[in-house]
Protein backbone atom coordinates (compact mmCIF):
# COMPACT_ATOMS: atom_id res chain seq x y z
CA MET A 1 109.08 109.98 90.54
CA VAL A 2 108.12 106.31 90.41
CA ILE A 3 108.76 104.39 93.62
CA ASN A 4 109.79 100.74 93.47
CA LYS A 5 106.84 98.59 94.60
CA GLU A 6 109.16 96.53 96.83
CA LEU A 7 109.73 99.62 99.00
CA LEU A 8 105.99 100.02 99.47
CA LYS A 9 105.34 96.39 100.47
CA GLY A 10 106.72 96.75 103.97
CA SER A 11 104.73 99.88 104.73
CA THR A 12 101.22 99.08 103.51
CA VAL A 13 99.91 97.79 106.85
CA ILE A 14 101.10 100.85 108.79
CA LEU A 15 99.62 103.17 106.14
CA ILE A 16 96.23 101.45 106.28
CA LEU A 17 96.09 101.25 110.08
CA THR A 18 97.15 104.89 110.41
CA LEU A 19 94.35 105.97 108.07
CA LEU A 20 91.79 103.92 109.96
CA ASP A 21 93.00 105.35 113.25
CA SER A 22 91.56 108.71 112.18
CA LYS A 23 88.13 107.37 111.13
CA PRO A 24 86.38 104.32 109.64
CA MET A 25 86.71 104.18 105.85
CA TYR A 26 85.62 102.07 102.90
CA GLY A 27 88.18 100.59 100.52
CA TYR A 28 88.05 103.05 97.64
CA GLU A 29 88.15 105.93 100.13
CA MET A 30 91.40 104.51 101.57
CA ILE A 31 92.93 104.19 98.11
CA LYS A 32 92.14 107.83 97.31
CA GLU A 33 93.22 109.09 100.74
CA ILE A 34 96.61 107.35 100.56
CA GLU A 35 97.17 108.65 97.04
CA GLU A 36 96.21 112.20 98.04
CA LYS A 37 98.23 112.29 101.29
CA SER A 38 101.31 110.91 99.51
CA ASP A 39 101.03 113.42 96.64
CA GLY A 40 100.44 110.55 94.23
CA ILE A 41 103.53 108.56 95.22
CA PHE A 42 101.52 105.67 96.69
CA THR A 43 98.85 104.28 94.40
CA PHE A 44 97.09 101.13 95.56
CA LYS A 45 94.96 98.93 93.40
CA GLU A 46 91.90 97.21 94.86
CA GLY A 47 93.66 93.88 94.28
CA THR A 48 96.40 95.03 96.65
CA LEU A 49 94.24 96.65 99.32
CA TYR A 50 91.46 94.12 99.88
CA PRO A 51 93.66 91.08 100.62
CA ILE A 52 95.53 93.18 103.21
CA LEU A 53 92.25 94.34 104.77
CA HIS A 54 91.03 90.73 104.86
CA SER A 55 94.25 89.65 106.64
CA LEU A 56 93.96 92.53 109.11
CA GLU A 57 90.36 91.52 109.78
CA THR A 58 91.34 87.87 110.32
CA GLU A 59 94.09 89.00 112.73
CA GLY A 60 91.59 91.14 114.68
CA MET A 61 93.28 94.44 113.78
CA VAL A 62 90.26 95.81 111.93
CA GLU A 63 86.53 95.19 112.00
CA CYS A 64 84.10 95.83 109.20
CA TYR A 65 80.46 96.77 108.96
CA TRP A 66 78.02 97.55 106.17
CA THR A 67 76.10 100.78 105.64
CA GLU A 68 73.68 101.83 102.98
CA THR A 69 74.45 104.90 100.87
CA GLU A 70 71.85 107.50 99.91
CA GLY A 71 71.48 105.74 96.57
CA GLY A 72 70.65 102.47 98.31
CA ARG A 73 74.03 100.83 97.60
CA LYS A 74 75.70 98.89 100.38
CA ARG A 75 79.20 99.97 101.36
CA LYS A 76 81.63 98.03 103.55
CA TYR A 77 83.48 100.17 106.09
CA TYR A 78 86.57 99.18 108.03
CA LYS A 79 87.53 100.46 111.47
CA ILE A 80 90.61 99.87 113.58
CA THR A 81 90.32 97.78 116.75
CA LYS A 82 92.17 98.27 120.03
CA SER A 83 94.57 95.52 118.98
CA GLY A 84 95.05 97.22 115.61
CA SER A 85 95.75 100.53 117.29
CA GLU A 86 98.39 98.94 119.52
CA HIS A 87 99.95 97.21 116.51
CA MET A 88 99.95 100.50 114.59
CA LYS A 89 101.83 102.25 117.41
CA GLU A 90 104.43 99.44 117.49
CA LYS A 91 104.84 99.66 113.71
CA GLN A 92 105.18 103.45 113.87
CA GLU A 93 108.01 103.12 116.41
CA GLU A 94 109.61 100.41 114.28
CA TRP A 95 109.31 102.69 111.23
CA LYS A 96 110.97 105.61 113.06
CA THR A 97 113.93 103.41 113.99
CA PHE A 98 114.19 101.98 110.46
CA ARG A 99 113.94 105.38 108.80
CA SER A 100 116.52 106.88 111.14
CA ALA A 101 118.98 104.06 110.41
CA VAL A 102 118.48 104.33 106.64
CA ASP A 103 118.89 108.12 106.76
CA LYS A 104 122.14 107.76 108.72
CA VAL A 105 123.59 105.40 106.12
CA ILE A 106 122.34 107.27 103.06
CA TRP A 107 123.17 110.78 104.15
CA LYS A 108 126.47 109.86 105.81
CA GLU A 109 127.55 108.24 102.52
CA ALA A 110 126.37 111.24 100.49
CA ILE A 111 128.26 113.69 102.71
CA SER A 112 131.50 111.69 102.61
CA ARG A 113 131.63 111.76 98.79
């Protein structure tokens, strides 16, 4: 099933922060992790992910650092900050409320038909 991109827009920040709450990750790793955990429903392009990460970094929600891989390549990792963790928890609560309200409307309408 293809999901409308507009539905994904409002949830990208919470998805990214939730991933980074488990461990620091580099961009491509986040893209693959989100795709895998969502069973392929959410597929991010680098052009979508990196501007969001940059905004989160500017807002102090994530920090980045460079490491060198075994092959000598540099890789930029992102990690959540205390502020980012607090924001993530707020967004998770907001999401629960939103999801609950949508479910009530959708399923109440479906049952009454």
